[in-house]
Amino acid sequence: MCRSIKTLRPPVLPEEATEDDIRAAALQYVRKISGFRAPAAHNREVFERAVDEIAEATARLLDGLEVRGARTVGTGGTVRKRAPEPRPDAV
């Protein structure tokens, strides 16, 4: 795992990841996998396309994740723990 890539979901990241956060993580991933910090001119297009595709996939992943027990911000800016969801087997 590349140590420069940080966790982008709450509660590790206090707020939603920005587009810049997601792109930076995608760039670090492509650098790690390819072994190149910066691509040669003849690889630049495929390198950038990989970064774009990974950033898009990462954004979809973060949008779809449900973090149970996550904290939410209530009215007045107070942080409170989200109420537990009812269990389907509870009667």
PDB file of N, CA and C in Angstrom:
ATOM      1  N   MET A   1       0.855  -1.184   0.000  1.00  0.00           N
ATOM      2  CA  MET A   1       0.000   0.000   0.000  1.00  0.00           C
ATOM      3  C   MET A   1       0.891   1.233   0.000  1.00  0.00           C
ATOM      4  N   CYS A   2       0.520   2.174  -0.810  1.00  0.00           N
ATOM      5  CA  CYS A   2       1.282   3.423  -0.878  1.00  0.00           C
ATOM      6  C   CYS A   2       0.944   4.255   0.354  1.00  0.00           C
ATOM      7  N   ARG A   3       1.931   4.638   1.096  1.00  0.00           N
ATOM      8  CA  ARG A   3       1.699   5.370   2.344  1.00  0.00           C
ATOM      9  C   ARG A   3       1.176   6.778   2.112  1.00  0.00           C
ATOM     10  N   SER A   4       1.304   7.295   0.901  1.00  0.00           N
ATOM     11  CA  SER A   4       0.826   8.641   0.615  1.00  0.00           C
ATOM     12  C   SER A   4      -0.678   8.673   0.375  1.00  0.00           C
ATOM     13  N   ILE A   5      -1.291   7.542   0.180  1.00  0.00           N
ATOM     14  CA  ILE A   5      -2.735   7.507  -0.044  1.00  0.00           C
ATOM     15  C   ILE A   5      -3.409   7.440   1.317  1.00  0.00           C
ATOM     16  N   LYS A   6      -4.290   8.406   1.579  1.00  0.00           N
ATOM     17  CA  LYS A   6      -4.969   8.427   2.868  1.00  0.00           C
ATOM     18  C   LYS A   6      -6.410   7.960   2.711  1.00  0.00           C
ATOM     19  N   THR A   7      -6.992   7.527   3.804  1.00  0.00           N
ATOM     20  CA  THR A   7      -8.392   7.114   3.812  1.00  0.00           C
ATOM     21  C   THR A   7      -9.257   8.340   3.531  1.00  0.00           C
ATOM     22  N   LEU A   8     -10.208   8.195   2.618  1.00  0.00           N
ATOM     23  CA  LEU A   8     -11.009   9.339   2.171  1.00  0.00           C
ATOM     24  C   LEU A   8     -12.444   9.326   2.664  1.00  0.00           C
ATOM     25  N   ARG A   9     -12.765   8.437   3.558  1.00  0.00           N
ATOM     26  CA  ARG A   9     -14.153   8.388   4.025  1.00  0.00           C
ATOM     27  C   ARG A   9     -14.242   8.799   5.486  1.00  0.00           C
ATOM     28  N   PRO A  10     -15.413   9.333   5.873  1.00  0.00           N
ATOM     29  CA  PRO A  10     -15.622   9.622   7.287  1.00  0.00           C
ATOM     30  C   PRO A  10     -15.658   8.307   8.065  1.00  0.00           C
ATOM     31  N   PRO A  11     -15.317   8.224   9.290  1.00  0.00           N
ATOM     32  CA  PRO A  11     -14.931   9.306  10.179  1.00  0.00           C
ATOM     33  C   PRO A  11     -13.439   9.637  10.113  1.00  0.00           C
ATOM     34  N   VAL A  12     -12.663   8.928   9.299  1.00  0.00           N
ATOM     35  CA  VAL A  12     -11.227   9.211   9.213  1.00  0.00           C
ATOM     36  C   VAL A  12     -11.008  10.613   8.659  1.00  0.00           C
ATOM     37  N   LEU A  13     -11.694  10.956   7.601  1.00  0.00           N
ATOM     38  CA  LEU A  13     -11.646  12.306   7.033  1.00  0.00           C
ATOM     39  C   LEU A  13     -12.863  13.041   7.600  1.00  0.00           C
ATOM     40  N   PRO A  14     -12.667  14.144   8.289  1.00  0.00           N
ATOM     41  CA  PRO A  14     -13.776  14.795   8.986  1.00  0.00           C
ATOM     42  C   PRO A  14     -14.913  15.269   8.080  1.00  0.00           C
ATOM     43  N   GLU A  15     -14.605  15.604   6.843  1.00  0.00           N
ATOM     44  CA  GLU A  15     -15.670  16.001   5.920  1.00  0.00           C
ATOM     45  C   GLU A  15     -15.527  15.185   4.639  1.00  0.00           C
ATOM     46  N   GLU A  16     -16.458  15.388   3.722  1.00  0.00           N
ATOM     47  CA  GLU A  16     -16.396  14.648   2.463  1.00  0.00           C
ATOM     48  C   GLU A  16     -15.112  14.928   1.710  1.00  0.00           C
ATOM     49  N   ALA A  17     -14.613  13.905   1.042  1.00  0.00           N
ATOM     50  CA  ALA A  17     -13.403  14.068   0.232  1.00  0.00           C
ATOM     51  C   ALA A  17     -13.707  14.999  -0.935  1.00  0.00           C
ATOM     52  N   THR A  18     -12.763  15.865  -1.227  1.00  0.00           N
ATOM     53  CA  THR A  18     -12.940  16.780  -2.354  1.00  0.00           C
ATOM     54  C   THR A  18     -12.472  16.091  -3.634  1.00  0.00           C
ATOM     55  N   GLU A  19     -12.780  16.707  -4.756  1.00  0.00           N
ATOM     56  CA  GLU A  19     -12.303  16.199  -6.039  1.00  0.00           C
ATOM     57  C   GLU A  19     -10.774  16.152  -6.065  1.00  0.00           C
ATOM     58  N   ASP A  20     -10.155  17.158  -5.471  1.00  0.00           N
ATOM     59  CA  ASP A  20      -8.688  17.198  -5.402  1.00  0.00           C
ATOM     60  C   ASP A  20      -8.134  16.052  -4.559  1.00  0.00           C
ATOM     61  N   ASP A  21      -8.797  15.744  -3.427  1.00  0.00           N
ATOM     62  CA  ASP A  21      -8.372  14.616  -2.583  1.00  0.00           C
ATOM     63  C   ASP A  21      -8.433  13.310  -3.363  1.00  0.00           C
ATOM     64  N   ILE A  22      -9.536  13.123  -4.087  1.00  0.00           N
ATOM     65  CA  ILE A  22      -9.752  11.886  -4.846  1.00  0.00           C
ATOM     66  C   ILE A  22      -8.736  11.772  -5.974  1.00  0.00           C
ATOM     67  N   ARG A  23      -8.513  12.854  -6.684  1.00  0.00           N
ATOM     68  CA  ARG A  23      -7.548  12.833  -7.789  1.00  0.00           C
ATOM     69  C   ARG A  23      -6.123  12.586  -7.281  1.00  0.00           C
ATOM     70  N   ALA A  24      -5.763  13.183  -6.155  1.00  0.00           N
ATOM     71  CA  ALA A  24      -4.423  12.977  -5.589  1.00  0.00           C
ATOM     72  C   ALA A  24      -4.224  11.512  -5.212  1.00  0.00           C
ATOM     73  N   ALA A  25      -5.242  10.891  -4.645  1.00  0.00           N
ATOM     74  CA  ALA A  25      -5.140   9.474  -4.290  1.00  0.00           C
ATOM     75  C   ALA A  25      -5.017   8.615  -5.550  1.00  0.00           C
ATOM     76  N   ALA A  26      -5.789   8.947  -6.580  1.00  0.00           N
ATOM     77  CA  ALA A  26      -5.721   8.201  -7.841  1.00  0.00           C
ATOM     78  C   ALA A  26      -4.339   8.340  -8.471  1.00  0.00           C
ATOM     79  N   LEU A  27      -3.789   9.530  -8.438  1.00  0.00           N
ATOM     80  CA  LEU A  27      -2.454   9.762  -8.982  1.00  0.00           C
ATOM     81  C   LEU A  27      -1.402   8.947  -8.223  1.00  0.00           C
ATOM     82  N   GLN A  28      -1.481   8.927  -6.912  1.00  0.00           N
ATOM     83  CA  GLN A  28      -0.536   8.140  -6.110  1.00  0.00           C
ATOM     84  C   GLN A  28      -0.654   6.658  -6.439  1.00  0.00           C
ATOM     85  N   TYR A  29      -1.887   6.195  -6.617  1.00  0.00           N
ATOM     86  CA  TYR A  29      -2.114   4.787  -6.954  1.00  0.00           C
ATOM     87  C   TYR A  29      -1.477   4.443  -8.303  1.00  0.00           C
ATOM     88  N   VAL A  30      -1.719   5.272  -9.315  1.00  0.00           N
ATOM     89  CA  VAL A  30      -1.168   5.013 -10.650  1.00  0.00           C
ATOM     90  C   VAL A  30       0.362   5.083 -10.616  1.00  0.00           C
ATOM     91  N   ARG A  31       0.907   6.030  -9.879  1.00  0.00           N
ATOM     92  CA  ARG A  31       2.365   6.102  -9.738  1.00  0.00           C
ATOM     93  C   ARG A  31       2.918   4.827  -9.119  1.00  0.00           C
ATOM     94  N   LYS A  32       2.259   4.340  -8.080  1.00  0.00           N
ATOM     95  CA  LYS A  32       2.727   3.139  -7.393  1.00  0.00           C
ATOM     96  C   LYS A  32       2.654   1.922  -8.309  1.00  0.00           C
ATOM     97  N   ILE A  33       1.536   1.744  -8.989  1.00  0.00           N
ATOM     98  CA  ILE A  33       1.331   0.582  -9.844  1.00  0.00           C
ATOM     99  C   ILE A  33       2.250   0.608 -11.062  1.00  0.00           C
ATOM    100  N   SER A  34       2.400   1.794 -11.671  1.00  0.00           N
ATOM    101  CA  SER A  34       3.210   1.896 -12.891  1.00  0.00           C
ATOM    102  C   SER A  34       4.711   1.929 -12.598  1.00  0.00           C
ATOM    103  N   GLY A  35       5.062   2.387 -11.401  1.00  0.00           N
ATOM    104  CA  GLY A  35       6.473   2.521 -11.073  1.00  0.00           C
ATOM    105  C   GLY A  35       7.090   3.807 -11.586  1.00  0.00           C
ATOM    106  N   PHE A  36       6.263   4.708 -12.116  1.00  0.00           N
ATOM    107  CA  PHE A  36       6.741   5.985 -12.638  1.00  0.00           C
ATOM    108  C   PHE A  36       6.155   7.136 -11.836  1.00  0.00           C
ATOM    109  N   ARG A  37       7.013   8.060 -11.432  1.00  0.00           N
ATOM    110  CA  ARG A  37       6.517   9.257 -10.757  1.00  0.00           C
ATOM    111  C   ARG A  37       5.846  10.165 -11.773  1.00  0.00           C
ATOM    112  N   ALA A  38       6.444  10.281 -12.939  1.00  0.00           N
ATOM    113  CA  ALA A  38       5.877  11.046 -14.047  1.00  0.00           C
ATOM    114  C   ALA A  38       6.108  10.218 -15.311  1.00  0.00           C
ATOM    115  N   PRO A  39       5.100  10.101 -16.155  1.00  0.00           N
ATOM    116  CA  PRO A  39       5.257   9.267 -17.343  1.00  0.00           C
ATOM    117  C   PRO A  39       6.097   9.943 -18.427  1.00  0.00           C
ATOM    118  N   ALA A  40       6.720   9.137 -19.238  1.00  0.00           N
ATOM    119  CA  ALA A  40       7.407   9.651 -20.428  1.00  0.00           C
ATOM    120  C   ALA A  40       6.338  10.168 -21.389  1.00  0.00           C
ATOM    121  N   ALA A  41       6.737  10.997 -22.302  1.00  0.00           N
ATOM    122  CA  ALA A  41       5.787  11.604 -23.247  1.00  0.00           C
ATOM    123  C   ALA A  41       4.932  10.558 -23.957  1.00  0.00           C
ATOM    124  N   HIS A  42       5.529   9.427 -24.338  1.00  0.00           N
ATOM    125  CA  HIS A  42       4.774   8.413 -25.079  1.00  0.00           C
ATOM    126  C   HIS A  42       3.801   7.635 -24.174  1.00  0.00           C
ATOM    127  N   ASN A  43       3.893   7.796 -22.859  1.00  0.00           N
ATOM    128  CA  ASN A  43       2.965   7.129 -21.929  1.00  0.00           C
ATOM    129  C   ASN A  43       2.014   8.103 -21.239  1.00  0.00           C
ATOM    130  N   ARG A  44       2.156   9.371 -21.509  1.00  0.00           N
ATOM    131  CA  ARG A  44       1.381  10.384 -20.781  1.00  0.00           C
ATOM    132  C   ARG A  44      -0.130  10.188 -20.931  1.00  0.00           C
ATOM    133  N   GLU A  45      -0.591   9.921 -22.140  1.00  0.00           N
ATOM    134  CA  GLU A  45      -2.040   9.784 -22.374  1.00  0.00           C
ATOM    135  C   GLU A  45      -2.632   8.616 -21.590  1.00  0.00           C
ATOM    136  N   VAL A  46      -1.987   7.467 -21.640  1.00  0.00           N
ATOM    137  CA  VAL A  46      -2.514   6.297 -20.932  1.00  0.00           C
ATOM    138  C   VAL A  46      -2.414   6.492 -19.410  1.00  0.00           C
ATOM    139  N   PHE A  47      -1.366   7.160 -18.961  1.00  0.00           N
ATOM    140  CA  PHE A  47      -1.178   7.452 -17.543  1.00  0.00           C
ATOM    141  C   PHE A  47      -2.315   8.351 -17.044  1.00  0.00           C
ATOM    142  N   GLU A  48      -2.573   9.449 -17.766  1.00  0.00           N
ATOM    143  CA  GLU A  48      -3.634  10.385 -17.380  1.00  0.00           C
ATOM    144  C   GLU A  48      -5.014   9.736 -17.456  1.00  0.00           C
ATOM    145  N   ARG A  49      -5.231   8.899 -18.455  1.00  0.00           N
ATOM    146  CA  ARG A  49      -6.512   8.205 -18.575  1.00  0.00           C
ATOM    147  C   ARG A  49      -6.727   7.282 -17.373  1.00  0.00           C
ATOM    148  N   ALA A  50      -5.668   6.604 -16.939  1.00  0.00           N
ATOM    149  CA  ALA A  50      -5.764   5.727 -15.772  1.00  0.00           C
ATOM    150  C   ALA A  50      -6.105   6.533 -14.519  1.00  0.00           C
ATOM    151  N   VAL A  51      -5.463   7.680 -14.349  1.00  0.00           N
ATOM    152  CA  VAL A  51      -5.750   8.529 -13.191  1.00  0.00           C
ATOM    153  C   VAL A  51      -7.220   8.961 -13.222  1.00  0.00           C
ATOM    154  N   ASP A  52      -7.714   9.387 -14.378  1.00  0.00           N
ATOM    155  CA  ASP A  52      -9.109   9.816 -14.512  1.00  0.00           C
ATOM    156  C   ASP A  52     -10.074   8.679 -14.176  1.00  0.00           C
ATOM    157  N   GLU A  53      -9.819   7.497 -14.714  1.00  0.00           N
ATOM    158  CA  GLU A  53     -10.711   6.357 -14.492  1.00  0.00           C
ATOM    159  C   GLU A  53     -10.713   5.928 -13.025  1.00  0.00           C
ATOM    160  N   ILE A  54      -9.553   5.928 -12.404  1.00  0.00           N
ATOM    161  CA  ILE A  54      -9.481   5.542 -10.994  1.00  0.00           C
ATOM    162  C   ILE A  54     -10.143   6.592 -10.118  1.00  0.00           C
ATOM    163  N   ALA A  55      -9.977   7.857 -10.450  1.00  0.00           N
ATOM    164  CA  ALA A  55     -10.645   8.926  -9.696  1.00  0.00           C
ATOM    165  C   ALA A  55     -12.161   8.785  -9.799  1.00  0.00           C
ATOM    166  N   GLU A  56     -12.669   8.486 -10.991  1.00  0.00           N
ATOM    167  CA  GLU A  56     -14.115   8.298 -11.173  1.00  0.00           C
ATOM    168  C   GLU A  56     -14.613   7.099 -10.372  1.00  0.00           C
ATOM    169  N   ALA A  57     -13.881   5.996 -10.424  1.00  0.00           N
ATOM    170  CA  ALA A  57     -14.272   4.796  -9.676  1.00  0.00           C
ATOM    171  C   ALA A  57     -14.237   5.065  -8.172  1.00  0.00           C
ATOM    172  N   THR A  58     -13.249   5.828  -7.732  1.00  0.00           N
ATOM    173  CA  THR A  58     -13.132   6.157  -6.312  1.00  0.00           C
ATOM    174  C   THR A  58     -14.303   7.024  -5.864  1.00  0.00           C
ATOM    175  N   ALA A  59     -14.680   7.995  -6.670  1.00  0.00           N
ATOM    176  CA  ALA A  59     -15.817   8.857  -6.339  1.00  0.00           C
ATOM    177  C   ALA A  59     -17.097   8.035  -6.247  1.00  0.00           C
ATOM    178  N   ARG A  60     -17.290   7.092  -7.185  1.00  0.00           N
ATOM    179  CA  ARG A  60     -18.477   6.217  -7.130  1.00  0.00           C
ATOM    180  C   ARG A  60     -18.460   5.361  -5.869  1.00  0.00           C
ATOM    181  N   LEU A  61     -17.305   4.838  -5.536  1.00  0.00           N
ATOM    182  CA  LEU A  61     -17.178   4.022  -4.327  1.00  0.00           C
ATOM    183  C   LEU A  61     -17.545   4.830  -3.090  1.00  0.00           C
ATOM    184  N   LEU A  62     -16.964   6.013  -2.948  1.00  0.00           N
ATOM    185  CA  LEU A  62     -17.240   6.836  -1.775  1.00  0.00           C
ATOM    186  C   LEU A  62     -18.699   7.260  -1.711  1.00  0.00           C
ATOM    187  N   ASP A  63     -19.316   7.528  -2.864  1.00  0.00           N
ATOM    188  CA  ASP A  63     -20.738   7.899  -2.897  1.00  0.00           C
ATOM    189  C   ASP A  63     -21.626   6.746  -2.458  1.00  0.00           C
ATOM    190  N   GLY A  64     -21.189   5.519  -2.733  1.00  0.00           N
ATOM    191  CA  GLY A  64     -22.018   4.367  -2.423  1.00  0.00           C
ATOM    192  C   GLY A  64     -21.789   3.751  -1.058  1.00  0.00           C
ATOM    193  N   LEU A  65     -20.713   4.117  -0.384  1.00  0.00           N
ATOM    194  CA  LEU A  65     -20.427   3.527   0.925  1.00  0.00           C
ATOM    195  C   LEU A  65     -21.407   4.009   1.979  1.00  0.00           C
ATOM    196  N   GLU A  66     -21.803   3.091   2.823  1.00  0.00           N
ATOM    197  CA  GLU A  66     -22.626   3.426   3.979  1.00  0.00           C
ATOM    198  C   GLU A  66     -21.792   3.101   5.213  1.00  0.00           C
ATOM    199  N   VAL A  67     -21.467   4.114   5.971  1.00  0.00           N
ATOM    200  CA  VAL A  67     -20.641   3.920   7.156  1.00  0.00           C
ATOM    201  C   VAL A  67     -21.563   3.877   8.360  1.00  0.00           C
ATOM    202  N   ARG A  68     -21.713   2.706   8.928  1.00  0.00           N
ATOM    203  CA  ARG A  68     -22.592   2.563  10.090  1.00  0.00           C
ATOM    204  C   ARG A  68     -21.902   3.083  11.327  1.00  0.00           C
ATOM    205  N   GLY A  69     -22.669   3.710  12.184  1.00  0.00           N
ATOM    206  CA  GLY A  69     -22.122   4.260  13.406  1.00  0.00           C
ATOM    207  C   GLY A  69     -21.363   5.546  13.178  1.00  0.00           C
ATOM    208  N   ALA A  70     -21.485   6.087  11.966  1.00  0.00           N
ATOM    209  CA  ALA A  70     -20.787   7.341  11.657  1.00  0.00           C
ATOM    210  C   ALA A  70     -21.427   8.482  12.423  1.00  0.00           C
ATOM    211  N   ARG A  71     -20.642   9.487  12.668  1.00  0.00           N
ATOM    212  CA  ARG A  71     -21.149  10.659  13.368  1.00  0.00           C
ATOM    213  C   ARG A  71     -21.764  11.608  12.358  1.00  0.00           C
ATOM    214  N   THR A  72     -22.820  12.262  12.760  1.00  0.00           N
ATOM    215  CA  THR A  72     -23.456  13.260  11.905  1.00  0.00           C
ATOM    216  C   THR A  72     -23.444  14.596  12.634  1.00  0.00           C
ATOM    217  N   VAL A  73     -23.540  15.659  11.895  1.00  0.00           N
ATOM    218  CA  VAL A  73     -23.576  16.983  12.494  1.00  0.00           C
ATOM    219  C   VAL A  73     -25.028  17.399  12.636  1.00  0.00           C
ATOM    220  N   GLY A  74     -25.428  17.660  13.863  1.00  0.00           N
ATOM    221  CA  GLY A  74     -26.801  18.060  14.142  1.00  0.00           C
ATOM    222  C   GLY A  74     -26.982  19.551  14.005  1.00  0.00           C
ATOM    223  N   THR A  75     -28.185  20.004  14.324  1.00  0.00           N
ATOM    224  CA  THR A  75     -28.451  21.441  14.259  1.00  0.00           C
ATOM    225  C   THR A  75     -27.579  22.157  15.276  1.00  0.00           C
ATOM    226  N   GLY A  76     -27.135  23.318  14.941  1.00  0.00           N
ATOM    227  CA  GLY A  76     -26.265  24.084  15.819  1.00  0.00           C
ATOM    228  C   GLY A  76     -24.818  23.643  15.752  1.00  0.00           C
ATOM    229  N   GLY A  77     -24.483  22.719  14.820  1.00  0.00           N
ATOM    230  CA  GLY A  77     -23.109  22.295  14.632  1.00  0.00           C
ATOM    231  C   GLY A  77     -22.608  21.265  15.630  1.00  0.00           C
ATOM    232  N   THR A  78     -23.491  20.738  16.477  1.00  0.00           N
ATOM    233  CA  THR A  78     -23.045  19.732  17.439  1.00  0.00           C
ATOM    234  C   THR A  78     -22.899  18.382  16.747  1.00  0.00           C
ATOM    235  N   VAL A  79     -21.850  17.672  17.125  1.00  0.00           N
ATOM    236  CA  VAL A  79     -21.621  16.353  16.538  1.00  0.00           C
ATOM    237  C   VAL A  79     -22.279  15.318  17.425  1.00  0.00           C
ATOM    238  N   ARG A  80     -23.072  14.462  16.805  1.00  0.00           N
ATOM    239  CA  ARG A  80     -23.732  13.408  17.570  1.00  0.00           C
ATOM    240  C   ARG A  80     -23.613  12.103  16.794  1.00  0.00           C
ATOM    241  N   LYS A  81     -23.733  11.018  17.508  1.00  0.00           N
ATOM    242  CA  LYS A  81     -23.667   9.718  16.861  1.00  0.00           C
ATOM    243  C   LYS A  81     -25.015   9.446  16.203  1.00  0.00           C
ATOM    244  N   ARG A  82     -24.967   8.880  15.010  1.00  0.00           N
ATOM    245  CA  ARG A  82     -26.178   8.562  14.273  1.00  0.00           C
ATOM    246  C   ARG A  82     -26.981   7.518  15.046  1.00  0.00           C
ATOM    247  N   ALA A  83     -28.299   7.667  15.056  1.00  0.00           N
ATOM    248  CA  ALA A  83     -29.163   6.696  15.736  1.00  0.00           C
ATOM    249  C   ALA A  83     -29.033   5.343  15.059  1.00  0.00           C
ATOM    250  N   PRO A  84     -29.018   4.263  15.841  1.00  0.00           N
ATOM    251  CA  PRO A  84     -28.894   2.939  15.231  1.00  0.00           C
ATOM    252  C   PRO A  84     -30.110   2.611  14.374  1.00  0.00           C
ATOM    253  N   GLU A  85     -29.865   1.905  13.299  1.00  0.00           N
ATOM    254  CA  GLU A  85     -30.961   1.494  12.428  1.00  0.00           C
ATOM    255  C   GLU A  85     -31.655   0.288  13.044  1.00  0.00           C
ATOM    256  N   PRO A  86     -32.992   0.185  12.875  1.00  0.00           N
ATOM    257  CA  PRO A  86     -33.684  -0.972  13.434  1.00  0.00           C
ATOM    258  C   PRO A  86     -33.217  -2.260  12.758  1.00  0.00           C
ATOM    259  N   ARG A  87     -33.090  -3.292  13.554  1.00  0.00           N
ATOM    260  CA  ARG A  87     -32.659  -4.581  13.017  1.00  0.00           C
ATOM    261  C   ARG A  87     -33.871  -5.285  12.421  1.00  0.00           C
ATOM    262  N   PRO A  88     -33.708  -5.899  11.246  1.00  0.00           N
ATOM    263  CA  PRO A  88     -34.845  -6.545  10.588  1.00  0.00           C
ATOM    264  C   PRO A  88     -35.410  -7.708  11.391  1.00  0.00           C
ATOM    265  N   ASP A  89     -34.609  -8.356  12.229  1.00  0.00           N
ATOM    266  CA  ASP A  89     -35.088  -9.511  12.994  1.00  0.00           C
ATOM    267  C   ASP A  89     -35.696  -9.112  14.328  1.00  0.00           C
ATOM    268  N   ALA A  90     -35.642  -7.818  14.670  1.00  0.00           N
ATOM    269  CA  ALA A  90     -36.219  -7.356  15.946  1.00  0.00           C
ATOM    270  C   ALA A  90     -37.728  -7.268  15.798  1.00  0.00           C
ATOM    271  N   VAL A  91     -38.453  -7.723  16.816  1.00  0.00           N
ATOM    272  CA  VAL A  91     -39.906  -7.708  16.752  1.00  0.00           C
ATOM    273  C   VAL A  91     -40.471  -6.704  17.689  1.00  0.00           C
TER     274      VAL A  91
END
